[in-house]
Amino acid sequence: MTPPAASSAASWSNNPISPSSYPQIPVGNHTPQLKVELASVFLNALKVYEEKNVKFADAVMAFWGIDKGITTTYTYDEKDFKRIDGLTVLKP
């Protein structure tokens, strides 16, 4: 399986990745398809890391919360979290 071309990344820039579209990644002879728990969290985090220059760890925390139904976060580090659609950011 070859990765999508860089130009195709723009086509999904405003669409979160749903479980039905998880990529199946060949990893070798002993693991033909790697399945990652919380794949949508990590894939969406990678997307905003690349497209919006959000720190990866902040993006993972944000999308983990969104996945669990948490749409408000309290932080003094508003810069990255404000770049994530669907998240309300407040100072404590």
PDB file of N, CA and C in Angstrom:
ATOM      1  N   MET A   1       0.850  -1.171   0.000  1.00  0.00           N
ATOM      2  CA  MET A   1       0.000   0.000   0.000  1.00  0.00           C
ATOM      3  C   MET A   1       0.891   1.229   0.000  1.00  0.00           C
ATOM      4  N   THR A   2       0.627   2.143  -0.880  1.00  0.00           N
ATOM      5  CA  THR A   2       1.424   3.355  -0.925  1.00  0.00           C
ATOM      6  C   THR A   2       0.685   4.483  -0.239  1.00  0.00           C
ATOM      7  N   PRO A   3       1.424   5.376   0.434  1.00  0.00           N
ATOM      8  CA  PRO A   3       0.753   6.487   1.108  1.00  0.00           C
ATOM      9  C   PRO A   3       0.162   7.443   0.092  1.00  0.00           C
ATOM     10  N   PRO A   4      -0.896   8.196   0.471  1.00  0.00           N
ATOM     11  CA  PRO A   4      -1.484   9.144  -0.462  1.00  0.00           C
ATOM     12  C   PRO A   4      -0.506  10.252  -0.786  1.00  0.00           C
ATOM     13  N   ALA A   5      -0.640  10.801  -1.971  1.00  0.00           N
ATOM     14  CA  ALA A   5       0.222  11.914  -2.383  1.00  0.00           C
ATOM     15  C   ALA A   5      -0.054  13.114  -1.503  1.00  0.00           C
ATOM     16  N   ALA A   6       0.953  13.951  -1.349  1.00  0.00           N
ATOM     17  CA  ALA A   6       0.818  15.132  -0.497  1.00  0.00           C
ATOM     18  C   ALA A   6      -0.340  16.009  -0.926  1.00  0.00           C
ATOM     19  N   SER A   7      -0.602  16.106  -2.216  1.00  0.00           N
ATOM     20  CA  SER A   7      -1.676  16.963  -2.697  1.00  0.00           C
ATOM     21  C   SER A   7      -3.049  16.456  -2.275  1.00  0.00           C
ATOM     22  N   SER A   8      -3.181  15.146  -2.017  1.00  0.00           N
ATOM     23  CA  SER A   8      -4.476  14.622  -1.615  1.00  0.00           C
ATOM     24  C   SER A   8      -4.812  14.959  -0.169  1.00  0.00           C
ATOM     25  N   ALA A   9      -3.829  15.360   0.614  1.00  0.00           N
ATOM     26  CA  ALA A   9      -4.086  15.709   2.012  1.00  0.00           C
ATOM     27  C   ALA A   9      -5.053  16.878   2.120  1.00  0.00           C
ATOM     28  N   ALA A  10      -4.999  17.808   1.187  1.00  0.00           N
ATOM     29  CA  ALA A  10      -5.882  18.964   1.227  1.00  0.00           C
ATOM     30  C   ALA A  10      -7.341  18.559   1.053  1.00  0.00           C
ATOM     31  N   SER A  11      -7.606  17.455   0.378  1.00  0.00           N
ATOM     32  CA  SER A  11      -8.981  17.056   0.127  1.00  0.00           C
ATOM     33  C   SER A  11      -9.714  16.632   1.396  1.00  0.00           C
ATOM     34  N   TRP A  12      -9.008  16.271   2.429  1.00  0.00           N
ATOM     35  CA  TRP A  12      -9.672  15.894   3.674  1.00  0.00           C
ATOM     36  C   TRP A  12      -9.336  16.845   4.809  1.00  0.00           C
ATOM     37  N   SER A  13      -8.877  18.046   4.495  1.00  0.00           N
ATOM     38  CA  SER A  13      -8.423  18.974   5.517  1.00  0.00           C
ATOM     39  C   SER A  13      -9.520  19.420   6.467  1.00  0.00           C
ATOM     40  N   ASN A  14     -10.778  19.474   6.029  1.00  0.00           N
ATOM     41  CA  ASN A  14     -11.854  19.923   6.905  1.00  0.00           C
ATOM     42  C   ASN A  14     -12.740  18.788   7.377  1.00  0.00           C
ATOM     43  N   ASN A  15     -12.346  17.561   7.124  1.00  0.00           N
ATOM     44  CA  ASN A  15     -13.164  16.415   7.487  1.00  0.00           C
ATOM     45  C   ASN A  15     -12.430  15.542   8.488  1.00  0.00           C
ATOM     46  N   PRO A  16     -12.985  15.398   9.711  1.00  0.00           N
ATOM     47  CA  PRO A  16     -12.366  14.461  10.650  1.00  0.00           C
ATOM     48  C   PRO A  16     -12.388  13.052  10.078  1.00  0.00           C
ATOM     49  N   ILE A  17     -11.470  12.251  10.505  1.00  0.00           N
ATOM     50  CA  ILE A  17     -11.366  10.879   9.998  1.00  0.00           C
ATOM     51  C   ILE A  17     -12.298   9.990  10.804  1.00  0.00           C
ATOM     52  N   SER A  18     -13.138   9.255  10.114  1.00  0.00           N
ATOM     53  CA  SER A  18     -14.090   8.374  10.779  1.00  0.00           C
ATOM     54  C   SER A  18     -13.535   6.956  10.843  1.00  0.00           C
ATOM     55  N   PRO A  19     -14.026   6.163  11.798  1.00  0.00           N
ATOM     56  CA  PRO A  19     -13.524   4.780  11.921  1.00  0.00           C
ATOM     57  C   PRO A  19     -13.655   3.964  10.641  1.00  0.00           C
ATOM     58  N   SER A  20     -14.658   4.233   9.830  1.00  0.00           N
ATOM     59  CA  SER A  20     -14.840   3.444   8.612  1.00  0.00           C
ATOM     60  C   SER A  20     -13.754   3.719   7.575  1.00  0.00           C
ATOM     61  N   SER A  21     -13.022   4.818   7.740  1.00  0.00           N
ATOM     62  CA  SER A  21     -11.986   5.145   6.758  1.00  0.00           C
ATOM     63  C   SER A  21     -10.577   4.904   7.287  1.00  0.00           C
ATOM     64  N   TYR A  22     -10.443   4.149   8.377  1.00  0.00           N
ATOM     65  CA  TYR A  22      -9.113   3.871   8.913  1.00  0.00           C
ATOM     66  C   TYR A  22      -8.263   3.198   7.846  1.00  0.00           C
ATOM     67  N   PRO A  23      -7.064   3.654   7.669  1.00  0.00           N
ATOM     68  CA  PRO A  23      -6.201   2.975   6.701  1.00  0.00           C
ATOM     69  C   PRO A  23      -5.704   1.653   7.268  1.00  0.00           C
ATOM     70  N   GLN A  24      -5.566   0.675   6.419  1.00  0.00           N
ATOM     71  CA  GLN A  24      -4.966  -0.601   6.805  1.00  0.00           C
ATOM     72  C   GLN A  24      -3.510  -0.542   6.366  1.00  0.00           C
ATOM     73  N   ILE A  25      -2.607  -0.609   7.298  1.00  0.00           N
ATOM     74  CA  ILE A  25      -1.199  -0.385   7.023  1.00  0.00           C
ATOM     75  C   ILE A  25      -0.432  -1.697   7.112  1.00  0.00           C
ATOM     76  N   PRO A  26       0.155  -2.162   6.014  1.00  0.00           N
ATOM     77  CA  PRO A  26       0.982  -3.367   6.096  1.00  0.00           C
ATOM     78  C   PRO A  26       2.268  -3.068   6.871  1.00  0.00           C
ATOM     79  N   VAL A  27       2.609  -3.948   7.822  1.00  0.00           N
ATOM     80  CA  VAL A  27       3.754  -3.678   8.683  1.00  0.00           C
ATOM     81  C   VAL A  27       4.831  -4.746   8.580  1.00  0.00           C
ATOM     82  N   GLY A  28       4.615  -5.780   7.870  1.00  0.00           N
ATOM     83  CA  GLY A  28       5.625  -6.822   7.753  1.00  0.00           C
ATOM     84  C   GLY A  28       4.971  -8.191   7.702  1.00  0.00           C
ATOM     85  N   ASN A  29       5.815  -9.214   7.689  1.00  0.00           N
ATOM     86  CA  ASN A  29       5.318 -10.582   7.564  1.00  0.00           C
ATOM     87  C   ASN A  29       4.479 -11.027   8.749  1.00  0.00           C
ATOM     88  N   HIS A  30       4.822 -10.589   9.954  1.00  0.00           N
ATOM     89  CA  HIS A  30       4.133 -11.072  11.147  1.00  0.00           C
ATOM     90  C   HIS A  30       2.945 -10.205  11.540  1.00  0.00           C
ATOM     91  N   THR A  31       2.848  -9.027  10.981  1.00  0.00           N
ATOM     92  CA  THR A  31       1.736  -8.133  11.288  1.00  0.00           C
ATOM     93  C   THR A  31       1.217  -7.545   9.978  1.00  0.00           C
ATOM     94  N   PRO A  32       0.399  -8.304   9.243  1.00  0.00           N
ATOM     95  CA  PRO A  32      -0.023  -7.821   7.940  1.00  0.00           C
ATOM     96  C   PRO A  32      -0.860  -6.541   7.989  1.00  0.00           C
ATOM     97  N   GLN A  33      -1.626  -6.356   9.038  1.00  0.00           N
ATOM     98  CA  GLN A  33      -2.417  -5.133   9.159  1.00  0.00           C
ATOM     99  C   GLN A  33      -2.341  -4.649  10.600  1.00  0.00           C
ATOM    100  N   LEU A  34      -1.815  -3.458  10.771  1.00  0.00           N
ATOM    101  CA  LEU A  34      -1.707  -2.868  12.099  1.00  0.00           C
ATOM    102  C   LEU A  34      -2.995  -2.133  12.419  1.00  0.00           C
ATOM    103  N   LYS A  35      -3.596  -2.442  13.540  1.00  0.00           N
ATOM    104  CA  LYS A  35      -4.775  -1.709  13.988  1.00  0.00           C
ATOM    105  C   LYS A  35      -4.393  -0.972  15.267  1.00  0.00           C
ATOM    106  N   VAL A  36      -4.658   0.306  15.263  1.00  0.00           N
ATOM    107  CA  VAL A  36      -4.277   1.150  16.388  1.00  0.00           C
ATOM    108  C   VAL A  36      -5.523   1.540  17.167  1.00  0.00           C
ATOM    109  N   GLU A  37      -5.498   1.295  18.481  1.00  0.00           N
ATOM    110  CA  GLU A  37      -6.598   1.730  19.317  1.00  0.00           C
ATOM    111  C   GLU A  37      -6.644   3.248  19.275  1.00  0.00           C
ATOM    112  N   LEU A  38      -7.808   3.817  19.173  1.00  0.00           N
ATOM    113  CA  LEU A  38      -7.999   5.267  19.066  1.00  0.00           C
ATOM    114  C   LEU A  38      -7.353   5.840  17.811  1.00  0.00           C
ATOM    115  N   ALA A  39      -7.422   5.096  16.729  1.00  0.00           N
ATOM    116  CA  ALA A  39      -6.788   5.533  15.483  1.00  0.00           C
ATOM    117  C   ALA A  39      -7.290   6.890  15.024  1.00  0.00           C
ATOM    118  N   SER A  40      -8.591   7.159  15.166  1.00  0.00           N
ATOM    119  CA  SER A  40      -9.111   8.449  14.708  1.00  0.00           C
ATOM    120  C   SER A  40      -8.501   9.592  15.509  1.00  0.00           C
ATOM    121  N   VAL A  41      -8.235   9.373  16.796  1.00  0.00           N
ATOM    122  CA  VAL A  41      -7.595  10.399  17.627  1.00  0.00           C
ATOM    123  C   VAL A  41      -6.210  10.727  17.072  1.00  0.00           C
ATOM    124  N   PHE A  42      -5.421   9.694  16.814  1.00  0.00           N
ATOM    125  CA  PHE A  42      -4.062   9.914  16.331  1.00  0.00           C
ATOM    126  C   PHE A  42      -4.024  10.456  14.904  1.00  0.00           C
ATOM    127  N   LEU A  43      -4.920   9.967  14.050  1.00  0.00           N
ATOM    128  CA  LEU A  43      -4.936  10.461  12.674  1.00  0.00           C
ATOM    129  C   LEU A  43      -5.371  11.922  12.611  1.00  0.00           C
ATOM    130  N   ASN A  44      -6.379  12.297  13.399  1.00  0.00           N
ATOM    131  CA  ASN A  44      -6.795  13.700  13.438  1.00  0.00           C
ATOM    132  C   ASN A  44      -5.714  14.579  14.061  1.00  0.00           C
ATOM    133  N   ALA A  45      -5.018  14.060  15.068  1.00  0.00           N
ATOM    134  CA  ALA A  45      -3.919  14.809  15.680  1.00  0.00           C
ATOM    135  C   ALA A  45      -2.799  15.044  14.670  1.00  0.00           C
ATOM    136  N   LEU A  46      -2.477  14.028  13.889  1.00  0.00           N
ATOM    137  CA  LEU A  46      -1.459  14.193  12.847  1.00  0.00           C
ATOM    138  C   LEU A  46      -1.886  15.228  11.815  1.00  0.00           C
ATOM    139  N   LYS A  47      -3.166  15.212  11.500  1.00  0.00           N
ATOM    140  CA  LYS A  47      -3.693  16.145  10.510  1.00  0.00           C
ATOM    141  C   LYS A  47      -3.536  17.598  10.970  1.00  0.00           C
ATOM    142  N   VAL A  48      -3.941  17.911  12.204  1.00  0.00           N
ATOM    143  CA  VAL A  48      -3.820  19.305  12.659  1.00  0.00           C
ATOM    144  C   VAL A  48      -2.375  19.658  12.975  1.00  0.00           C
ATOM    145  N   TYR A  49      -1.575  18.679  13.356  1.00  0.00           N
ATOM    146  CA  TYR A  49      -0.142  18.911  13.546  1.00  0.00           C
ATOM    147  C   TYR A  49       0.482  19.398  12.245  1.00  0.00           C
ATOM    148  N   GLU A  50       0.123  18.739  11.163  1.00  0.00           N
ATOM    149  CA  GLU A  50       0.676  19.085   9.855  1.00  0.00           C
ATOM    150  C   GLU A  50       0.050  20.354   9.282  1.00  0.00           C
ATOM    151  N   GLU A  51      -1.268  20.465   9.328  1.00  0.00           N
ATOM    152  CA  GLU A  51      -1.959  21.558   8.645  1.00  0.00           C
ATOM    153  C   GLU A  51      -2.028  22.856   9.436  1.00  0.00           C
ATOM    154  N   LYS A  52      -2.084  22.749  10.771  1.00  0.00           N
ATOM    155  CA  LYS A  52      -2.287  23.956  11.583  1.00  0.00           C
ATOM    156  C   LYS A  52      -1.135  24.233  12.538  1.00  0.00           C
ATOM    157  N   ASN A  53      -0.064  23.449  12.430  1.00  0.00           N
ATOM    158  CA  ASN A  53       1.127  23.638  13.259  1.00  0.00           C
ATOM    159  C   ASN A  53       0.803  23.584  14.757  1.00  0.00           C
ATOM    160  N   VAL A  54      -0.030  22.615  15.137  1.00  0.00           N
ATOM    161  CA  VAL A  54      -0.389  22.389  16.535  1.00  0.00           C
ATOM    162  C   VAL A  54       0.570  21.340  17.092  1.00  0.00           C
ATOM    163  N   LYS A  55       1.035  21.536  18.325  1.00  0.00           N
ATOM    164  CA  LYS A  55       1.904  20.529  18.949  1.00  0.00           C
ATOM    165  C   LYS A  55       1.160  19.191  18.971  1.00  0.00           C
ATOM    166  N   PHE A  56       1.882  18.132  18.599  1.00  0.00           N
ATOM    167  CA  PHE A  56       1.242  16.820  18.478  1.00  0.00           C
ATOM    168  C   PHE A  56       0.605  16.374  19.791  1.00  0.00           C
ATOM    169  N   ALA A  57       1.302  16.548  20.902  1.00  0.00           N
ATOM    170  CA  ALA A  57       0.760  16.119  22.199  1.00  0.00           C
ATOM    171  C   ALA A  57      -0.523  16.880  22.535  1.00  0.00           C
ATOM    172  N   ASP A  58      -0.553  18.176  22.244  1.00  0.00           N
ATOM    173  CA  ASP A  58      -1.767  18.965  22.488  1.00  0.00           C
ATOM    174  C   ASP A  58      -2.905  18.467  21.610  1.00  0.00           C
ATOM    175  N   ALA A  59      -2.604  18.155  20.361  1.00  0.00           N
ATOM    176  CA  ALA A  59      -3.627  17.664  19.444  1.00  0.00           C
ATOM    177  C   ALA A  59      -4.184  16.317  19.900  1.00  0.00           C
ATOM    178  N   VAL A  60      -3.313  15.428  20.365  1.00  0.00           N
ATOM    179  CA  VAL A  60      -3.777  14.124  20.862  1.00  0.00           C
ATOM    180  C   VAL A  60      -4.702  14.322  22.051  1.00  0.00           C
ATOM    181  N   MET A  61      -4.304  15.168  22.991  1.00  0.00           N
ATOM    182  CA  MET A  61      -5.163  15.415  24.167  1.00  0.00           C
ATOM    183  C   MET A  61      -6.510  15.990  23.753  1.00  0.00           C
ATOM    184  N   ALA A  62      -6.499  16.940  22.814  1.00  0.00           N
ATOM    185  CA  ALA A  62      -7.737  17.565  22.368  1.00  0.00           C
ATOM    186  C   ALA A  62      -8.661  16.557  21.695  1.00  0.00           C
ATOM    187  N   PHE A  63      -8.126  15.766  20.766  1.00  0.00           N
ATOM    188  CA  PHE A  63      -8.971  14.815  20.048  1.00  0.00           C
ATOM    189  C   PHE A  63      -9.384  13.639  20.917  1.00  0.00           C
ATOM    190  N   TRP A  64      -8.590  13.292  21.921  1.00  0.00           N
ATOM    191  CA  TRP A  64      -9.019  12.261  22.871  1.00  0.00           C
ATOM    192  C   TRP A  64     -10.251  12.770  23.614  1.00  0.00           C
ATOM    193  N   GLY A  65     -10.186  14.023  24.059  1.00  0.00           N
ATOM    194  CA  GLY A  65     -11.329  14.611  24.753  1.00  0.00           C
ATOM    195  C   GLY A  65     -12.558  14.695  23.870  1.00  0.00           C
ATOM    196  N   ILE A  66     -12.369  15.156  22.647  1.00  0.00           N
ATOM    197  CA  ILE A  66     -13.494  15.258  21.711  1.00  0.00           C
ATOM    198  C   ILE A  66     -14.097  13.874  21.472  1.00  0.00           C
ATOM    199  N   ASP A  67     -13.249  12.852  21.351  1.00  0.00           N
ATOM    200  CA  ASP A  67     -13.716  11.476  21.168  1.00  0.00           C
ATOM    201  C   ASP A  67     -14.563  11.010  22.346  1.00  0.00           C
ATOM    202  N   LYS A  68     -14.254  11.517  23.541  1.00  0.00           N
ATOM    203  CA  LYS A  68     -14.987  11.148  24.756  1.00  0.00           C
ATOM    204  C   LYS A  68     -16.149  12.091  25.047  1.00  0.00           C
ATOM    205  N   GLY A  69     -16.381  13.067  24.150  1.00  0.00           N
ATOM    206  CA  GLY A  69     -17.492  14.000  24.338  1.00  0.00           C
ATOM    207  C   GLY A  69     -17.128  15.255  25.112  1.00  0.00           C
ATOM    208  N   ILE A  70     -15.850  15.456  25.348  1.00  0.00           N
ATOM    209  CA  ILE A  70     -15.389  16.645  26.079  1.00  0.00           C
ATOM    210  C   ILE A  70     -15.008  17.701  25.044  1.00  0.00           C
ATOM    211  N   THR A  71     -15.767  18.784  24.992  1.00  0.00           N
ATOM    212  CA  THR A  71     -15.525  19.802  23.975  1.00  0.00           C
ATOM    213  C   THR A  71     -15.043  21.126  24.553  1.00  0.00           C
ATOM    214  N   THR A  72     -14.833  21.176  25.858  1.00  0.00           N
ATOM    215  CA  THR A  72     -14.296  22.383  26.500  1.00  0.00           C
ATOM    216  C   THR A  72     -13.031  22.005  27.242  1.00  0.00           C
ATOM    217  N   THR A  73     -11.988  22.819  27.078  1.00  0.00           N
ATOM    218  CA  THR A  73     -10.745  22.591  27.810  1.00  0.00           C
ATOM    219  C   THR A  73     -10.323  23.874  28.498  1.00  0.00           C
ATOM    220  N   TYR A  74      -9.739  23.736  29.666  1.00  0.00           N
ATOM    221  CA  TYR A  74      -9.210  24.860  30.423  1.00  0.00           C
ATOM    222  C   TYR A  74      -7.687  24.769  30.380  1.00  0.00           C
ATOM    223  N   THR A  75      -7.045  25.807  29.865  1.00  0.00           N
ATOM    224  CA  THR A  75      -5.597  25.792  29.741  1.00  0.00           C
ATOM    225  C   THR A  75      -5.050  27.209  29.668  1.00  0.00           C
ATOM    226  N   TYR A  76      -3.816  27.377  30.131  1.00  0.00           N
ATOM    227  CA  TYR A  76      -3.117  28.646  29.945  1.00  0.00           C
ATOM    228  C   TYR A  76      -2.416  28.669  28.589  1.00  0.00           C
ATOM    229  N   ASP A  77      -2.284  27.507  27.960  1.00  0.00           N
ATOM    230  CA  ASP A  77      -1.644  27.372  26.658  1.00  0.00           C
ATOM    231  C   ASP A  77      -2.721  27.351  25.573  1.00  0.00           C
ATOM    232  N   GLU A  78      -3.332  28.503  25.347  1.00  0.00           N
ATOM    233  CA  GLU A  78      -4.470  28.580  24.437  1.00  0.00           C
ATOM    234  C   GLU A  78      -4.084  28.475  22.956  1.00  0.00           C
ATOM    235  N   LYS A  79      -2.880  28.861  22.623  1.00  0.00           N
ATOM    236  CA  LYS A  79      -2.457  28.990  21.229  1.00  0.00           C
ATOM    237  C   LYS A  79      -2.796  27.761  20.377  1.00  0.00           C
ATOM    238  N   ASP A  80      -2.336  26.606  20.787  1.00  0.00           N
ATOM    239  CA  ASP A  80      -2.559  25.396  19.987  1.00  0.00           C
ATOM    240  C   ASP A  80      -4.005  24.927  20.044  1.00  0.00           C
ATOM    241  N   PHE A  81      -4.593  24.937  21.222  1.00  0.00           N
ATOM    242  CA  PHE A  81      -5.942  24.396  21.368  1.00  0.00           C
ATOM    243  C   PHE A  81      -6.980  25.213  20.600  1.00  0.00           C
ATOM    244  N   LYS A  82      -6.761  26.518  20.469  1.00  0.00           N
ATOM    245  CA  LYS A  82      -7.707  27.356  19.721  1.00  0.00           C
ATOM    246  C   LYS A  82      -7.708  27.047  18.232  1.00  0.00           C
ATOM    247  N   ARG A  83      -6.713  26.374  17.744  1.00  0.00           N
ATOM    248  CA  ARG A  83      -6.625  26.008  16.322  1.00  0.00           C
ATOM    249  C   ARG A  83      -7.390  24.727  15.997  1.00  0.00           C
ATOM    250  N   ILE A  84      -7.966  24.105  16.999  1.00  0.00           N
ATOM    251  CA  ILE A  84      -8.654  22.825  16.794  1.00  0.00           C
ATOM    252  C   ILE A  84     -10.158  23.064  16.747  1.00  0.00           C
ATOM    253  N   ASP A  85     -10.744  22.780  15.593  1.00  0.00           N
ATOM    254  CA  ASP A  85     -12.180  22.969  15.397  1.00  0.00           C
ATOM    255  C   ASP A  85     -12.962  22.051  16.328  1.00  0.00           C
ATOM    256  N   GLY A  86     -14.070  22.579  16.859  1.00  0.00           N
ATOM    257  CA  GLY A  86     -14.945  21.793  17.721  1.00  0.00           C
ATOM    258  C   GLY A  86     -14.547  21.819  19.174  1.00  0.00           C
ATOM    259  N   LEU A  87     -13.541  22.604  19.531  1.00  0.00           N
ATOM    260  CA  LEU A  87     -13.056  22.664  20.902  1.00  0.00           C
ATOM    261  C   LEU A  87     -13.210  24.094  21.427  1.00  0.00           C
ATOM    262  N   THR A  88     -13.826  24.228  22.599  1.00  0.00           N
ATOM    263  CA  THR A  88     -13.926  25.523  23.266  1.00  0.00           C
ATOM    264  C   THR A  88     -12.788  25.620  24.260  1.00  0.00           C
ATOM    265  N   VAL A  89     -12.035  26.720  24.195  1.00  0.00           N
ATOM    266  CA  VAL A  89     -10.842  26.891  25.036  1.00  0.00           C
ATOM    267  C   VAL A  89     -11.068  28.046  26.008  1.00  0.00           C
ATOM    268  N   LEU A  90     -10.880  27.776  27.300  1.00  0.00           N
ATOM    269  CA  LEU A  90     -11.028  28.788  28.335  1.00  0.00           C
ATOM    270  C   LEU A  90      -9.814  28.794  29.247  1.00  0.00           C
ATOM    271  N   LYS A  91      -9.488  29.971  29.790  1.00  0.00           N
ATOM    272  CA  LYS A  91      -8.423  30.046  30.789  1.00  0.00           C
ATOM    273  C   LYS A  91      -9.011  29.662  32.148  1.00  0.00           C
ATOM    274  N   PRO A  92      -8.228  28.964  32.967  1.00  0.00           N
ATOM    275  CA  PRO A  92      -8.740  28.580  34.298  1.00  0.00           C
ATOM    276  C   PRO A  92      -8.957  29.788  35.191  1.00  0.00           C
TER     277      PRO A  92
END
